[in-house]
Protein backbone atom coordinates (compact mmCIF):
# COMPACT_ATOMS: atom_id res chain seq x y z
CA MET A 1 -20.26 21.26 5.02
CA ARG A 2 -20.41 17.73 3.74
CA LEU A 3 -19.49 16.45 0.31
CA GLU A 4 -21.52 13.80 -1.44
CA PRO A 5 -19.73 10.45 -1.55
CA GLN A 6 -18.12 9.58 -4.85
CA ASP A 7 -19.70 6.12 -4.66
CA VAL A 8 -22.94 5.95 -2.67
CA HIS A 9 -22.80 2.13 -2.74
CA LEU A 10 -19.26 1.85 -1.34
CA ASN A 11 -20.30 0.36 2.02
CA GLU A 12 -22.41 -2.31 0.33
CA LYS A 13 -19.54 -3.15 -2.03
CA ILE A 14 -17.11 -3.48 0.87
CA GLU A 15 -19.53 -5.64 2.89
CA SER A 16 -20.14 -8.01 -0.04
CA PHE A 17 -16.50 -8.21 -1.22
CA ASP A 18 -15.08 -11.72 -1.28
CA TYR A 19 -11.75 -12.85 -2.71
CA ARG A 20 -11.17 -16.59 -2.39
CA GLY A 21 -13.11 -16.64 0.85
CA ARG A 22 -11.40 -13.55 2.23
CA ARG A 23 -13.67 -10.74 3.37
CA ILE A 24 -13.02 -7.16 4.36
CA THR A 25 -13.61 -6.96 8.10
CA ASN A 26 -12.38 -3.45 8.76
CA PHE A 27 -12.58 -0.23 6.80
CA GLU A 28 -10.49 2.31 8.64
CA MET A 29 -10.56 5.68 6.89
CA GLU A 30 -8.17 7.63 9.12
CA GLY A 31 -5.43 5.07 8.56
CA SER A 32 -5.76 5.33 4.80
CA ALA A 33 -5.48 9.12 5.05
CA LEU A 34 -2.27 8.77 7.07
CA ALA A 35 -0.86 6.28 4.56
CA GLY A 36 -1.71 8.64 1.71
CA LEU A 37 -0.08 11.62 3.41
CA ALA A 38 3.00 9.56 4.22
CA ALA A 39 3.30 8.48 0.58
CA LEU A 40 3.05 12.10 -0.57
CA MET A 41 5.99 12.88 1.70
CA GLY A 42 8.04 9.91 0.51
CA HIS A 43 7.45 7.83 3.64
CA ARG A 44 5.75 4.52 4.29
CA ALA A 45 3.05 4.12 6.90
CA ALA A 46 0.77 1.40 8.14
CA THR A 47 -2.28 1.10 10.32
CA ILE A 48 -2.66 -1.88 12.60
CA CYS A 49 -6.11 -2.42 14.09
CA THR A 50 -7.77 -4.77 16.49
CA ILE A 51 -11.33 -5.39 15.44
CA ILE A 52 -13.57 -4.98 18.47
CA ALA A 53 -16.93 -4.35 16.82
CA GLN A 54 -18.92 -5.46 13.82
CA ARG A 55 -20.93 -2.40 12.92
CA VAL A 56 -23.17 -4.20 10.45
CA ALA A 57 -24.05 -6.97 12.92
CA LEU A 58 -24.36 -4.46 15.78
CA ASP A 59 -22.00 -6.64 17.82
CA ALA A 60 -19.06 -5.50 19.95
CA CYS A 61 -16.50 -7.14 22.22
CA THR A 62 -16.55 -5.48 25.64
CA ASP A 63 -13.47 -7.35 26.91
CA TYR A 64 -11.16 -6.15 24.16
CA LYS A 65 -8.08 -5.08 26.16
CA PRO A 66 -6.31 -8.50 25.98
CA PHE A 67 -6.75 -8.48 22.21
CA VAL A 68 -5.33 -4.96 21.94
CA ARG A 69 -2.34 -5.93 24.10
CA ARG A 70 -1.68 -8.97 21.89
CA MET A 71 -1.96 -6.81 18.76
CA ILE A 72 0.54 -4.30 20.16
CA ALA A 73 3.02 -7.05 21.09
CA THR A 74 2.67 -8.70 17.68
CA ALA A 75 3.07 -5.39 15.85
CA LEU A 76 6.17 -4.43 17.83
CA ASP A 77 7.74 -7.85 17.17
CA LYS A 78 7.09 -7.46 13.44
CA LEU A 79 8.40 -3.88 13.37
CA ALA A 80 11.56 -4.92 15.22
CA SER A 81 12.30 -7.52 12.54
CA LEU A 82 12.05 -5.09 9.59
CA ASP A 83 15.17 -4.14 7.69
């Protein structure tokens, strides 16, 4: 079973979005579901991603492990400094 999307042009809107030169480079649906569930339970959640592919451009980084390691280290440093 598959529901029809609420907005059939959502991908095009995301790809063309620009705010002061800032573009959306990642649209991660599972993370938004986790954040929504956390909010319903009175918690806060975040998703931290390393972008390794550009689906629209059909381009992917095959040597992504150093970038993932750096993302993990950066995220842990930031989490450790939270109040």
